[in-house]
Amino acid sequence: MSETAPEDRNIGAAITNSLNQNASIRNIFGEPIETQGKTIIPVAQHVMGLGGGYGQGKKNEEADNTQGEGAGAGAGLYTIPKGVFEITAKKTRFVPLYSPQSFLLGTAIGLLTGWLLTRKAKG
């Protein structure tokens, strides 16, 4: 097996450092905002994916015992805003960014429109 280049050995450390910077608690919840006797904390959901692989073998069929190898790794991260925590002296509540009622209403309108268009096309 051939020697691995130093930059290939450090790919795991680079991914870990990047994720530590981007997937921090501050990035998930944001900085608290204090105004009018309230503390507001933004809330978001992080979604993360990781992958990696390594392989080796002949470079091609015509090559005379020429071996090749390769490795790679990657990560992806995105954030979905969810709402805010509103903290006052009397109570704490979560205020969602999207209400389930508007989602259900949009779904119902879409299904009804599709049904009407399908019915009109048949008749």
PDB file of N, CA and C in Angstrom:
ATOM      1  N   MET A   1       0.842  -1.161   0.000  1.00  0.00           N
ATOM      2  CA  MET A   1       0.000   0.000   0.000  1.00  0.00           C
ATOM      3  C   MET A   1       0.898   1.238   0.000  1.00  0.00           C
ATOM      4  N   SER A   2       0.543   2.245  -0.768  1.00  0.00           N
ATOM      5  CA  SER A   2       1.384   3.431  -0.882  1.00  0.00           C
ATOM      6  C   SER A   2       1.143   4.381   0.291  1.00  0.00           C
ATOM      7  N   GLU A   3       2.072   5.304   0.475  1.00  0.00           N
ATOM      8  CA  GLU A   3       1.952   6.305   1.524  1.00  0.00           C
ATOM      9  C   GLU A   3       0.808   7.265   1.204  1.00  0.00           C
ATOM     10  N   THR A   4       0.056   7.635   2.209  1.00  0.00           N
ATOM     11  CA  THR A   4      -1.028   8.586   2.039  1.00  0.00           C
ATOM     12  C   THR A   4      -0.487   9.994   2.249  1.00  0.00           C
ATOM     13  N   ALA A   5      -0.893  10.904   1.378  1.00  0.00           N
ATOM     14  CA  ALA A   5      -0.434  12.289   1.487  1.00  0.00           C
ATOM     15  C   ALA A   5      -0.945  12.906   2.776  1.00  0.00           C
ATOM     16  N   PRO A   6      -0.169  13.840   3.379  1.00  0.00           N
ATOM     17  CA  PRO A   6      -0.598  14.464   4.641  1.00  0.00           C
ATOM     18  C   PRO A   6      -1.963  15.134   4.542  1.00  0.00           C
ATOM     19  N   GLU A   7      -2.275  15.755   3.389  1.00  0.00           N
ATOM     20  CA  GLU A   7      -3.573  16.417   3.262  1.00  0.00           C
ATOM     21  C   GLU A   7      -4.724  15.412   3.262  1.00  0.00           C
ATOM     22  N   ASP A   8      -4.470  14.161   2.790  1.00  0.00           N
ATOM     23  CA  ASP A   8      -5.495  13.131   2.831  1.00  0.00           C
ATOM     24  C   ASP A   8      -5.729  12.643   4.254  1.00  0.00           C
ATOM     25  N   ARG A   9      -4.681  12.575   5.056  1.00  0.00           N
ATOM     26  CA  ARG A   9      -4.825  12.131   6.442  1.00  0.00           C
ATOM     27  C   ARG A   9      -5.581  13.142   7.278  1.00  0.00           C
ATOM     28  N   ASN A  10      -5.544  14.418   6.901  1.00  0.00           N
ATOM     29  CA  ASN A  10      -6.159  15.466   7.707  1.00  0.00           C
ATOM     30  C   ASN A  10      -7.565  15.820   7.247  1.00  0.00           C
ATOM     31  N   ILE A  11      -8.122  15.088   6.274  1.00  0.00           N
ATOM     32  CA  ILE A  11      -9.453  15.428   5.792  1.00  0.00           C
ATOM     33  C   ILE A  11     -10.501  15.250   6.889  1.00  0.00           C
ATOM     34  N   GLY A  12     -10.350  14.227   7.722  1.00  0.00           N
ATOM     35  CA  GLY A  12     -11.278  14.025   8.836  1.00  0.00           C
ATOM     36  C   GLY A  12     -11.226  15.183   9.821  1.00  0.00           C
ATOM     37  N   ALA A  13     -10.029  15.664  10.107  1.00  0.00           N
ATOM     38  CA  ALA A  13      -9.891  16.799  11.024  1.00  0.00           C
ATOM     39  C   ALA A  13     -10.503  18.061  10.425  1.00  0.00           C
ATOM     40  N   ALA A  14     -10.339  18.256   9.127  1.00  0.00           N
ATOM     41  CA  ALA A  14     -10.911  19.442   8.467  1.00  0.00           C
ATOM     42  C   ALA A  14     -12.435  19.400   8.521  1.00  0.00           C
ATOM     43  N   ILE A  15     -13.018  18.236   8.279  1.00  0.00           N
ATOM     44  CA  ILE A  15     -14.476  18.113   8.336  1.00  0.00           C
ATOM     45  C   ILE A  15     -14.974  18.332   9.757  1.00  0.00           C
ATOM     46  N   THR A  16     -14.287  17.762  10.725  1.00  0.00           N
ATOM     47  CA  THR A  16     -14.678  17.927  12.122  1.00  0.00           C
ATOM     48  C   THR A  16     -14.615  19.391  12.541  1.00  0.00           C
ATOM     49  N   ASN A  17     -13.548  20.085  12.177  1.00  0.00           N
ATOM     50  CA  ASN A  17     -13.427  21.513  12.515  1.00  0.00           C
ATOM     51  C   ASN A  17     -14.540  22.330  11.881  1.00  0.00           C
ATOM     52  N   SER A  18     -14.855  22.050  10.619  1.00  0.00           N
ATOM     53  CA  SER A  18     -15.915  22.783   9.929  1.00  0.00           C
ATOM     54  C   SER A  18     -17.266  22.547  10.598  1.00  0.00           C
ATOM     55  N   LEU A  19     -17.554  21.299  10.942  1.00  0.00           N
ATOM     56  CA  LEU A  19     -18.825  21.005  11.598  1.00  0.00           C
ATOM     57  C   LEU A  19     -18.899  21.625  12.991  1.00  0.00           C
ATOM     58  N   ASN A  20     -17.804  21.629  13.714  1.00  0.00           N
ATOM     59  CA  ASN A  20     -17.796  22.266  15.038  1.00  0.00           C
ATOM     60  C   ASN A  20     -18.109  23.754  14.937  1.00  0.00           C
ATOM     61  N   GLN A  21     -17.618  24.405  13.894  1.00  0.00           N
ATOM     62  CA  GLN A  21     -17.889  25.832  13.714  1.00  0.00           C
ATOM     63  C   GLN A  21     -19.320  26.081  13.270  1.00  0.00           C
ATOM     64  N   ASN A  22     -19.844  25.246  12.368  1.00  0.00           N
ATOM     65  CA  ASN A  22     -21.152  25.508  11.775  1.00  0.00           C
ATOM     66  C   ASN A  22     -22.317  24.901  12.547  1.00  0.00           C
ATOM     67  N   ALA A  23     -22.102  23.840  13.282  1.00  0.00           N
ATOM     68  CA  ALA A  23     -23.185  23.162  13.998  1.00  0.00           C
ATOM     69  C   ALA A  23     -23.158  23.482  15.482  1.00  0.00           C
ATOM     70  N   SER A  24     -22.788  24.682  15.831  1.00  0.00           N
ATOM     71  CA  SER A  24     -22.716  25.056  17.243  1.00  0.00           C
ATOM     72  C   SER A  24     -24.109  25.390  17.783  1.00  0.00           C
ATOM     73  N   ILE A  25     -24.233  25.413  19.088  1.00  0.00           N
ATOM     74  CA  ILE A  25     -25.503  25.746  19.731  1.00  0.00           C
ATOM     75  C   ILE A  25     -25.951  27.154  19.334  1.00  0.00           C
ATOM     76  N   ARG A  26     -25.042  28.097  19.208  1.00  0.00           N
ATOM     77  CA  ARG A  26     -25.419  29.457  18.796  1.00  0.00           C
ATOM     78  C   ARG A  26     -26.027  29.466  17.397  1.00  0.00           C
ATOM     79  N   ASN A  27     -25.510  28.623  16.515  1.00  0.00           N
ATOM     80  CA  ASN A  27     -26.078  28.566  15.170  1.00  0.00           C
ATOM     81  C   ASN A  27     -27.446  27.893  15.166  1.00  0.00           C
ATOM     82  N   ILE A  28     -27.690  26.992  16.098  1.00  0.00           N
ATOM     83  CA  ILE A  28     -28.991  26.326  16.158  1.00  0.00           C
ATOM     84  C   ILE A  28     -30.031  27.251  16.783  1.00  0.00           C
ATOM     85  N   PHE A  29     -29.708  27.867  17.913  1.00  0.00           N
ATOM     86  CA  PHE A  29     -30.673  28.698  18.624  1.00  0.00           C
ATOM     87  C   PHE A  29     -30.513  30.188  18.359  1.00  0.00           C
ATOM     88  N   GLY A  30     -29.366  30.629  17.892  1.00  0.00           N
ATOM     89  CA  GLY A  30     -29.159  32.058  17.672  1.00  0.00           C
ATOM     90  C   GLY A  30     -28.864  32.784  18.975  1.00  0.00           C
ATOM     91  N   GLU A  31     -28.552  34.043  18.841  1.00  0.00           N
ATOM     92  CA  GLU A  31     -28.281  34.877  20.017  1.00  0.00           C
ATOM     93  C   GLU A  31     -29.597  35.372  20.613  1.00  0.00           C
ATOM     94  N   PRO A  32     -29.756  35.346  21.938  1.00  0.00           N
ATOM     95  CA  PRO A  32     -30.969  35.896  22.550  1.00  0.00           C
ATOM     96  C   PRO A  32     -31.085  37.400  22.282  1.00  0.00           C
ATOM     97  N   ILE A  33     -32.326  37.846  22.089  1.00  0.00           N
ATOM     98  CA  ILE A  33     -32.607  39.267  21.853  1.00  0.00           C
ATOM     99  C   ILE A  33     -33.482  39.739  23.004  1.00  0.00           C
ATOM    100  N   GLU A  34     -33.065  40.815  23.669  1.00  0.00           N
ATOM    101  CA  GLU A  34     -33.851  41.349  24.772  1.00  0.00           C
ATOM    102  C   GLU A  34     -34.471  42.669  24.351  1.00  0.00           C
ATOM    103  N   THR A  35     -35.824  42.734  24.441  1.00  0.00           N
ATOM    104  CA  THR A  35     -36.551  43.949  24.064  1.00  0.00           C
ATOM    105  C   THR A  35     -37.891  43.987  24.786  1.00  0.00           C
ATOM    106  N   GLN A  36     -38.299  45.153  25.245  1.00  0.00           N
ATOM    107  CA  GLN A  36     -39.595  45.398  25.876  1.00  0.00           C
ATOM    108  C   GLN A  36     -39.927  44.389  26.974  1.00  0.00           C
ATOM    109  N   GLY A  37     -38.951  44.063  27.804  1.00  0.00           N
ATOM    110  CA  GLY A  37     -39.174  43.145  28.913  1.00  0.00           C
ATOM    111  C   GLY A  37     -39.259  41.678  28.506  1.00  0.00           C
ATOM    112  N   LYS A  38     -38.939  41.377  27.271  1.00  0.00           N
ATOM    113  CA  LYS A  38     -38.988  40.006  26.778  1.00  0.00           C
ATOM    114  C   LYS A  38     -37.600  39.585  26.311  1.00  0.00           C
ATOM    115  N   THR A  39     -37.327  38.291  26.462  1.00  0.00           N
ATOM    116  CA  THR A  39     -36.132  37.705  25.856  1.00  0.00           C
ATOM    117  C   THR A  39     -36.614  36.771  24.766  1.00  0.00           C
ATOM    118  N   ILE A  40     -36.109  36.966  23.557  1.00  0.00           N
ATOM    119  CA  ILE A  40     -36.522  36.167  22.407  1.00  0.00           C
ATOM    120  C   ILE A  40     -35.323  35.373  21.921  1.00  0.00           C
ATOM    121  N   ILE A  41     -35.520  34.055  21.812  1.00  0.00           N
ATOM    122  CA  ILE A  41     -34.449  33.164  21.362  1.00  0.00           C
ATOM    123  C   ILE A  41     -34.905  32.479  20.073  1.00  0.00           C
ATOM    124  N   PRO A  42     -34.248  32.773  18.943  1.00  0.00           N
ATOM    125  CA  PRO A  42     -34.608  32.086  17.692  1.00  0.00           C
ATOM    126  C   PRO A  42     -34.243  30.603  17.765  1.00  0.00           C
ATOM    127  N   VAL A  43     -35.076  29.760  17.141  1.00  0.00           N
ATOM    128  CA  VAL A  43     -34.863  28.315  17.154  1.00  0.00           C
ATOM    129  C   VAL A  43     -34.845  27.804  15.719  1.00  0.00           C
ATOM    130  N   ALA A  44     -33.882  26.936  15.431  1.00  0.00           N
ATOM    131  CA  ALA A  44     -33.779  26.324  14.107  1.00  0.00           C
ATOM    132  C   ALA A  44     -33.379  24.865  14.263  1.00  0.00           C
ATOM    133  N   GLN A  45     -33.648  24.081  13.231  1.00  0.00           N
ATOM    134  CA  GLN A  45     -33.263  22.670  13.213  1.00  0.00           C
ATOM    135  C   GLN A  45     -32.122  22.505  12.227  1.00  0.00           C
ATOM    136  N   HIS A  46     -31.070  21.834  12.669  1.00  0.00           N
ATOM    137  CA  HIS A  46     -29.947  21.518  11.783  1.00  0.00           C
ATOM    138  C   HIS A  46     -30.124  20.107  11.249  1.00  0.00           C
ATOM    139  N   VAL A  47     -29.854  19.927   9.972  1.00  0.00           N
ATOM    140  CA  VAL A  47     -29.872  18.606   9.354  1.00  0.00           C
ATOM    141  C   VAL A  47     -28.476  18.371   8.782  1.00  0.00           C
ATOM    142  N   MET A  48     -27.873  17.226   9.125  1.00  0.00           N
ATOM    143  CA  MET A  48     -26.493  16.985   8.748  1.00  0.00           C
ATOM    144  C   MET A  48     -26.350  15.595   8.130  1.00  0.00           C
ATOM    145  N   GLY A  49     -25.468  15.500   7.131  1.00  0.00           N
ATOM    146  CA  GLY A  49     -25.152  14.224   6.528  1.00  0.00           C
ATOM    147  C   GLY A  49     -23.653  14.068   6.379  1.00  0.00           C
ATOM    148  N   LEU A  50     -23.154  12.882   6.610  1.00  0.00           N
ATOM    149  CA  LEU A  50     -21.724  12.603   6.517  1.00  0.00           C
ATOM    150  C   LEU A  50     -21.507  11.389   5.621  1.00  0.00           C
ATOM    151  N   GLY A  51     -20.381  11.357   4.939  1.00  0.00           N
ATOM    152  CA  GLY A  51     -20.067  10.200   4.121  1.00  0.00           C
ATOM    153  C   GLY A  51     -18.586  10.137   3.809  1.00  0.00           C
ATOM    154  N   GLY A  52     -18.135   8.973   3.469  1.00  0.00           N
ATOM    155  CA  GLY A  52     -16.730   8.811   3.122  1.00  0.00           C
ATOM    156  C   GLY A  52     -16.495   7.439   2.524  1.00  0.00           C
ATOM    157  N   GLY A  53     -15.338   7.287   1.921  1.00  0.00           N
ATOM    158  CA  GLY A  53     -15.023   5.998   1.338  1.00  0.00           C
ATOM    159  C   GLY A  53     -13.561   5.897   0.943  1.00  0.00           C
ATOM    160  N   TYR A  54     -13.136   4.671   0.665  1.00  0.00           N
ATOM    161  CA  TYR A  54     -11.759   4.390   0.285  1.00  0.00           C
ATOM    162  C   TYR A  54     -11.791   3.210  -0.670  1.00  0.00           C
ATOM    163  N   GLY A  55     -10.924   3.249  -1.656  1.00  0.00           N
ATOM    164  CA  GLY A  55     -10.848   2.127  -2.575  1.00  0.00           C
ATOM    165  C   GLY A  55      -9.469   2.002  -3.184  1.00  0.00           C
ATOM    166  N   GLN A  56      -9.149   0.797  -3.667  1.00  0.00           N
ATOM    167  CA  GLN A  56      -7.880   0.581  -4.354  1.00  0.00           C
ATOM    168  C   GLN A  56      -8.051  -0.551  -5.349  1.00  0.00           C
ATOM    169  N   GLY A  57      -7.170  -0.595  -6.325  1.00  0.00           N
ATOM    170  CA  GLY A  57      -7.233  -1.640  -7.325  1.00  0.00           C
ATOM    171  C   GLY A  57      -6.455  -1.235  -8.563  1.00  0.00           C
ATOM    172  N   LYS A  58      -6.583  -2.048  -9.613  1.00  0.00           N
ATOM    173  CA  LYS A  58      -5.896  -1.742 -10.863  1.00  0.00           C
ATOM    174  C   LYS A  58      -6.497  -0.493 -11.484  1.00  0.00           C
ATOM    175  N   LYS A  59      -5.620   0.325 -12.087  1.00  0.00           N
ATOM    176  CA  LYS A  59      -6.090   1.543 -12.729  1.00  0.00           C
ATOM    177  C   LYS A  59      -6.895   1.217 -13.980  1.00  0.00           C
ATOM    178  N   ASN A  60      -6.446   0.258 -14.787  1.00  0.00           N
ATOM    179  CA  ASN A  60      -7.212  -0.222 -15.928  1.00  0.00           C
ATOM    180  C   ASN A  60      -6.699  -1.600 -16.312  1.00  0.00           C
ATOM    181  N   GLU A  61      -7.403  -2.260 -17.188  1.00  0.00           N
ATOM    182  CA  GLU A  61      -7.067  -3.645 -17.554  1.00  0.00           C
ATOM    183  C   GLU A  61      -5.743  -3.766 -18.298  1.00  0.00           C
ATOM    184  N   GLU A  62      -5.376  -2.765 -19.118  1.00  0.00           N
ATOM    185  CA  GLU A  62      -4.155  -2.863 -19.917  1.00  0.00           C
ATOM    186  C   GLU A  62      -2.891  -2.578 -19.108  1.00  0.00           C
ATOM    187  N   ALA A  63      -3.038  -1.930 -17.972  1.00  0.00           N
ATOM    188  CA  ALA A  63      -1.860  -1.553 -17.186  1.00  0.00           C
ATOM    189  C   ALA A  63      -1.197  -2.793 -16.596  1.00  0.00           C
ATOM    190  N   ASP A  64       0.111  -2.740 -16.531  1.00  0.00           N
ATOM    191  CA  ASP A  64       0.868  -3.870 -16.007  1.00  0.00           C
ATOM    192  C   ASP A  64       1.101  -3.684 -14.500  1.00  0.00           C
ATOM    193  N   ASN A  65       0.210  -4.280 -13.711  1.00  0.00           N
ATOM    194  CA  ASN A  65       0.294  -4.247 -12.249  1.00  0.00           C
ATOM    195  C   ASN A  65       0.342  -2.837 -11.667  1.00  0.00           C
ATOM    196  N   THR A  66      -0.220  -1.866 -12.355  1.00  0.00           N
ATOM    197  CA  THR A  66      -0.276  -0.514 -11.814  1.00  0.00           C
ATOM    198  C   THR A  66      -1.487  -0.413 -10.884  1.00  0.00           C
ATOM    199  N   GLN A  67      -1.224  -0.121  -9.635  1.00  0.00           N
ATOM    200  CA  GLN A  67      -2.283  -0.033  -8.637  1.00  0.00           C
ATOM    201  C   GLN A  67      -2.659   1.429  -8.412  1.00  0.00           C
ATOM    202  N   GLY A  68      -3.921   1.656  -8.143  1.00  0.00           N
ATOM    203  CA  GLY A  68      -4.395   2.987  -7.801  1.00  0.00           C
ATOM    204  C   GLY A  68      -5.201   2.911  -6.522  1.00  0.00           C
ATOM    205  N   GLU A  69      -5.318   4.021  -5.870  1.00  0.00           N
ATOM    206  CA  GLU A  69      -6.143   4.070  -4.672  1.00  0.00           C
ATOM    207  C   GLU A  69      -6.674   5.482  -4.508  1.00  0.00           C
ATOM    208  N   GLY A  70      -7.735   5.592  -3.772  1.00  0.00           N
ATOM    209  CA  GLY A  70      -8.326   6.904  -3.542  1.00  0.00           C
ATOM    210  C   GLY A  70      -9.203   6.887  -2.311  1.00  0.00           C
ATOM    211  N   ALA A  71      -9.374   8.045  -1.762  1.00  0.00           N
ATOM    212  CA  ALA A  71     -10.212   8.197  -0.581  1.00  0.00           C
ATOM    213  C   ALA A  71     -10.906   9.542  -0.659  1.00  0.00           C
ATOM    214  N   GLY A  72     -12.028   9.637  -0.011  1.00  0.00           N
ATOM    215  CA  GLY A  72     -12.746  10.894   0.022  1.00  0.00           C
ATOM    216  C   GLY A  72     -13.748  10.911   1.156  1.00  0.00           C
ATOM    217  N   ALA A  73     -14.099  12.090   1.550  1.00  0.00           N
ATOM    218  CA  ALA A  73     -15.090  12.257   2.608  1.00  0.00           C
ATOM    219  C   ALA A  73     -15.768  13.596   2.407  1.00  0.00           C
ATOM    220  N   GLY A  74     -16.944  13.723   2.939  1.00  0.00           N
ATOM    221  CA  GLY A  74     -17.666  14.976   2.818  1.00  0.00           C
ATOM    222  C   GLY A  74     -18.775  15.067   3.844  1.00  0.00           C
ATOM    223  N   ALA A  75     -19.282  16.249   3.965  1.00  0.00           N
ATOM    224  CA  ALA A  75     -20.367  16.488   4.907  1.00  0.00           C
ATOM    225  C   ALA A  75     -21.243  17.602   4.361  1.00  0.00           C
ATOM    226  N   GLY A  76     -22.498  17.540   4.700  1.00  0.00           N
ATOM    227  CA  GLY A  76     -23.434  18.587   4.318  1.00  0.00           C
ATOM    228  C   GLY A  76     -24.261  18.996   5.522  1.00  0.00           C
ATOM    229  N   LEU A  77     -24.639  20.256   5.562  1.00  0.00           N
ATOM    230  CA  LEU A  77     -25.358  20.779   6.709  1.00  0.00           C
ATOM    231  C   LEU A  77     -26.287  21.879   6.230  1.00  0.00           C
ATOM    232  N   TYR A  78     -27.571  21.816   6.603  1.00  0.00           N
ATOM    233  CA  TYR A  78     -28.456  22.943   6.341  1.00  0.00           C
ATOM    234  C   TYR A  78     -29.366  23.164   7.533  1.00  0.00           C
ATOM    235  N   THR A  79     -29.894  24.373   7.615  1.00  0.00           N
ATOM    236  CA  THR A  79     -30.669  24.788   8.771  1.00  0.00           C
ATOM    237  C   THR A  79     -32.085  25.154   8.348  1.00  0.00           C
ATOM    238  N   ILE A  80     -33.066  24.717   9.129  1.00  0.00           N
ATOM    239  CA  ILE A  80     -34.468  25.018   8.870  1.00  0.00           C
ATOM    240  C   ILE A  80     -34.980  25.865  10.039  1.00  0.00           C
ATOM    241  N   PRO A  81     -35.430  27.107   9.802  1.00  0.00           N
ATOM    242  CA  PRO A  81     -35.967  27.912  10.902  1.00  0.00           C
ATOM    243  C   PRO A  81     -37.273  27.310  11.421  1.00  0.00           C
ATOM    244  N   LYS A  82     -37.445  27.290  12.735  1.00  0.00           N
ATOM    245  CA  LYS A  82     -38.631  26.680  13.334  1.00  0.00           C
ATOM    246  C   LYS A  82     -39.512  27.669  14.095  1.00  0.00           C
ATOM    247  N   GLY A  83     -38.942  28.699  14.709  1.00  0.00           N
ATOM    248  CA  GLY A  83     -39.729  29.648  15.486  1.00  0.00           C
ATOM    249  C   GLY A  83     -38.868  30.340  16.514  1.00  0.00           C
ATOM    250  N   VAL A  84     -39.518  30.847  17.576  1.00  0.00           N
ATOM    251  CA  VAL A  84     -38.784  31.533  18.647  1.00  0.00           C
ATOM    252  C   VAL A  84     -39.357  31.139  20.005  1.00  0.00           C
ATOM    253  N   PHE A  85     -38.494  31.155  21.024  1.00  0.00           N
ATOM    254  CA  PHE A  85     -38.936  31.093  22.407  1.00  0.00           C
ATOM    255  C   PHE A  85     -39.088  32.525  22.885  1.00  0.00           C
ATOM    256  N   GLU A  86     -40.228  32.827  23.489  1.00  0.00           N
ATOM    257  CA  GLU A  86     -40.482  34.160  24.030  1.00  0.00           C
ATOM    258  C   GLU A  86     -40.566  34.022  25.547  1.00  0.00           C
ATOM    259  N   ILE A  87     -39.628  34.654  26.233  1.00  0.00           N
ATOM    260  CA  ILE A  87     -39.536  34.527  27.686  1.00  0.00           C
ATOM    261  C   ILE A  87     -39.862  35.870  28.321  1.00  0.00           C
ATOM    262  N   THR A  88     -40.864  35.887  29.195  1.00  0.00           N
ATOM    263  CA  THR A  88     -41.211  37.087  29.956  1.00  0.00           C
ATOM    264  C   THR A  88     -41.134  36.736  31.441  1.00  0.00           C
ATOM    265  N   ALA A  89     -41.400  37.734  32.302  1.00  0.00           N
ATOM    266  CA  ALA A  89     -41.379  37.485  33.747  1.00  0.00           C
ATOM    267  C   ALA A  89     -42.497  36.533  34.158  1.00  0.00           C
ATOM    268  N   LYS A  90     -43.600  36.498  33.395  1.00  0.00           N
ATOM    269  CA  LYS A  90     -44.752  35.675  33.766  1.00  0.00           C
ATOM    270  C   LYS A  90     -44.770  34.299  33.119  1.00  0.00           C
ATOM    271  N   LYS A  91     -44.261  34.194  31.878  1.00  0.00           N
ATOM    272  CA  LYS A  91     -44.368  32.905  31.200  1.00  0.00           C
ATOM    273  C   LYS A  91     -43.321  32.764  30.096  1.00  0.00           C
ATOM    274  N   THR A  92     -43.181  31.527  29.651  1.00  0.00           N
ATOM    275  CA  THR A  92     -42.321  31.200  28.510  1.00  0.00           C
ATOM    276  C   THR A  92     -43.183  30.447  27.511  1.00  0.00           C
ATOM    277  N   ARG A  93     -43.075  30.835  26.242  1.00  0.00           N
ATOM    278  CA  ARG A  93     -43.851  30.131  25.225  1.00  0.00           C
ATOM    279  C   ARG A  93     -43.037  29.996  23.948  1.00  0.00           C
ATOM    280  N   PHE A  94     -43.404  28.988  23.162  1.00  0.00           N
ATOM    281  CA  PHE A  94     -42.783  28.785  21.863  1.00  0.00           C
ATOM    282  C   PHE A  94     -43.740  29.295  20.790  1.00  0.00           C
ATOM    283  N   VAL A  95     -43.234  30.143  19.911  1.00  0.00           N
ATOM    284  CA  VAL A  95     -44.033  30.688  18.813  1.00  0.00           C
ATOM    285  C   VAL A  95     -43.492  30.076  17.514  1.00  0.00           C
ATOM    286  N   PRO A  96     -44.249  29.153  16.904  1.00  0.00           N
ATOM    287  CA  PRO A  96     -43.759  28.507  15.678  1.00  0.00           C
ATOM    288  C   PRO A  96     -43.759  29.475  14.500  1.00  0.00           C
ATOM    289  N   LEU A  97     -42.826  29.279  13.598  1.00  0.00           N
ATOM    290  CA  LEU A  97     -42.737  30.108  12.400  1.00  0.00           C
ATOM    291  C   LEU A  97     -43.855  29.770  11.420  1.00  0.00           C
ATOM    292  N   TYR A  98     -44.154  28.485  11.293  1.00  0.00           N
ATOM    293  CA  TYR A  98     -45.207  28.034  10.385  1.00  0.00           C
ATOM    294  C   TYR A  98     -46.291  27.347  11.201  1.00  0.00           C
ATOM    295  N   SER A  99     -47.530  27.693  10.933  1.00  0.00           N
ATOM    296  CA  SER A  99     -48.613  27.033  11.665  1.00  0.00           C
ATOM    297  C   SER A  99     -49.094  25.815  10.892  1.00  0.00           C
ATOM    298  N   PRO A 100     -49.484  24.767  11.589  1.00  0.00           N
ATOM    299  CA  PRO A 100     -49.996  23.575  10.906  1.00  0.00           C
ATOM    300  C   PRO A 100     -51.293  23.869  10.141  1.00  0.00           C
ATOM    301  N   GLN A 101     -52.082  24.841  10.615  1.00  0.00           N
ATOM    302  CA  GLN A 101     -53.341  25.155   9.964  1.00  0.00           C
ATOM    303  C   GLN A 101     -53.119  25.672   8.542  1.00  0.00           C
ATOM    304  N   SER A 102     -52.139  26.546   8.348  1.00  0.00           N
ATOM    305  CA  SER A 102     -51.902  27.065   6.998  1.00  0.00           C
ATOM    306  C   SER A 102     -51.368  25.972   6.085  1.00  0.00           C
ATOM    307  N   PHE A 103     -50.578  25.047   6.609  1.00  0.00           N
ATOM    308  CA  PHE A 103     -50.103  23.922   5.800  1.00  0.00           C
ATOM    309  C   PHE A 103     -51.270  23.045   5.379  1.00  0.00           C
ATOM    310  N   LEU A 104     -52.153  22.718   6.328  1.00  0.00           N
ATOM    311  CA  LEU A 104     -53.302  21.870   6.010  1.00  0.00           C
ATOM    312  C   LEU A 104     -54.252  22.554   5.038  1.00  0.00           C
ATOM    313  N   LEU A 105     -54.456  23.861   5.189  1.00  0.00           N
ATOM    314  CA  LEU A 105     -55.302  24.604   4.260  1.00  0.00           C
ATOM    315  C   LEU A 105     -54.715  24.582   2.855  1.00  0.00           C
ATOM    316  N   GLY A 106     -53.421  24.808   2.724  1.00  0.00           N
ATOM    317  CA  GLY A 106     -52.760  24.767   1.415  1.00  0.00           C
ATOM    318  C   GLY A 106     -52.855  23.383   0.775  1.00  0.00           C
ATOM    319  N   THR A 107     -52.693  22.337   1.582  1.00  0.00           N
ATOM    320  CA  THR A 107     -52.803  20.969   1.076  1.00  0.00           C
ATOM    321  C   THR A 107     -54.224  20.695   0.585  1.00  0.00           C
ATOM    322  N   ALA A 108     -55.211  21.113   1.361  1.00  0.00           N
ATOM    323  CA  ALA A 108     -56.611  20.900   0.978  1.00  0.00           C
ATOM    324  C   ALA A 108     -56.946  21.641  -0.314  1.00  0.00           C
ATOM    325  N   ILE A 109     -56.495  22.868  -0.454  1.00  0.00           N
ATOM    326  CA  ILE A 109     -56.750  23.645  -1.680  1.00  0.00           C
ATOM    327  C   ILE A 109     -56.083  22.973  -2.878  1.00  0.00           C
ATOM    328  N   GLY A 110     -54.864  22.497  -2.706  1.00  0.00           N
ATOM    329  CA  GLY A 110     -54.161  21.812  -3.787  1.00  0.00           C
ATOM    330  C   GLY A 110     -54.866  20.534  -4.219  1.00  0.00           C
ATOM    331  N   LEU A 111     -55.329  19.738  -3.263  1.00  0.00           N
ATOM    332  CA  LEU A 111     -56.044  18.501  -3.580  1.00  0.00           C
ATOM    333  C   LEU A 111     -57.378  18.788  -4.270  1.00  0.00           C
ATOM    334  N   LEU A 112     -58.087  19.788  -3.779  1.00  0.00           N
ATOM    335  CA  LEU A 112     -59.365  20.153  -4.388  1.00  0.00           C
ATOM    336  C   LEU A 112     -59.174  20.647  -5.820  1.00  0.00           C
ATOM    337  N   THR A 113     -58.176  21.488  -6.047  1.00  0.00           N
ATOM    338  CA  THR A 113     -57.885  21.990  -7.389  1.00  0.00           C
ATOM    339  C   THR A 113     -57.515  20.843  -8.329  1.00  0.00           C
ATOM    340  N   GLY A 114     -56.685  19.930  -7.872  1.00  0.00           N
ATOM    341  CA  GLY A 114     -56.313  18.773  -8.681  1.00  0.00           C
ATOM    342  C   GLY A 114     -57.507  17.907  -9.019  1.00  0.00           C
ATOM    343  N   TRP A 115     -58.381  17.676  -8.055  1.00  0.00           N
ATOM    344  CA  TRP A 115     -59.578  16.879  -8.279  1.00  0.00           C
ATOM    345  C   TRP A 115     -60.495  17.547  -9.298  1.00  0.00           C
ATOM    346  N   LEU A 116     -60.699  18.871  -9.175  1.00  0.00           N
ATOM    347  CA  LEU A 116     -61.547  19.594 -10.105  1.00  0.00           C
ATOM    348  C   LEU A 116     -60.975  19.583 -11.520  1.00  0.00           C
ATOM    349  N   LEU A 117     -59.671  19.770 -11.662  1.00  0.00           N
ATOM    350  CA  LEU A 117     -59.049  19.764 -12.994  1.00  0.00           C
ATOM    351  C   LEU A 117     -59.128  18.384 -13.625  1.00  0.00           C
ATOM    352  N   THR A 118     -58.950  17.338 -12.844  1.00  0.00           N
ATOM    353  CA  THR A 118     -59.043  15.975 -13.352  1.00  0.00           C
ATOM    354  C   THR A 118     -60.466  15.659 -13.781  1.00  0.00           C
ATOM    355  N   ARG A 119     -61.425  16.088 -13.006  1.00  0.00           N
ATOM    356  CA  ARG A 119     -62.836  15.860 -13.309  1.00  0.00           C
ATOM    357  C   ARG A 119     -63.260  16.590 -14.575  1.00  0.00           C
ATOM    358  N   LYS A 120     -62.748  17.831 -14.741  1.00  0.00           N
ATOM    359  CA  LYS A 120     -63.084  18.634 -15.923  1.00  0.00           C
ATOM    360  C   LYS A 120     -62.460  18.015 -17.186  1.00  0.00           C
ATOM    361  N   ALA A 121     -61.237  17.480 -17.073  1.00  0.00           N
ATOM    362  CA  ALA A 121     -60.554  16.883 -18.217  1.00  0.00           C
ATOM    363  C   ALA A 121     -61.271  15.612 -18.679  1.00  0.00           C
ATOM    364  N   LYS A 122     -61.852  14.852 -17.766  1.00  0.00           N
ATOM    365  CA  LYS A 122     -62.569  13.621 -18.129  1.00  0.00           C
ATOM    366  C   LYS A 122     -63.910  13.923 -18.777  1.00  0.00           C
ATOM    367  N   GLY A 123     -64.575  15.019 -18.350  1.00  0.00           N
ATOM    368  CA  GLY A 123     -65.932  15.309 -18.830  1.00  0.00           C
ATOM    369  C   GLY A 123     -65.962  16.133 -20.034  1.00  0.00           C
TER     370      GLY A 123
END
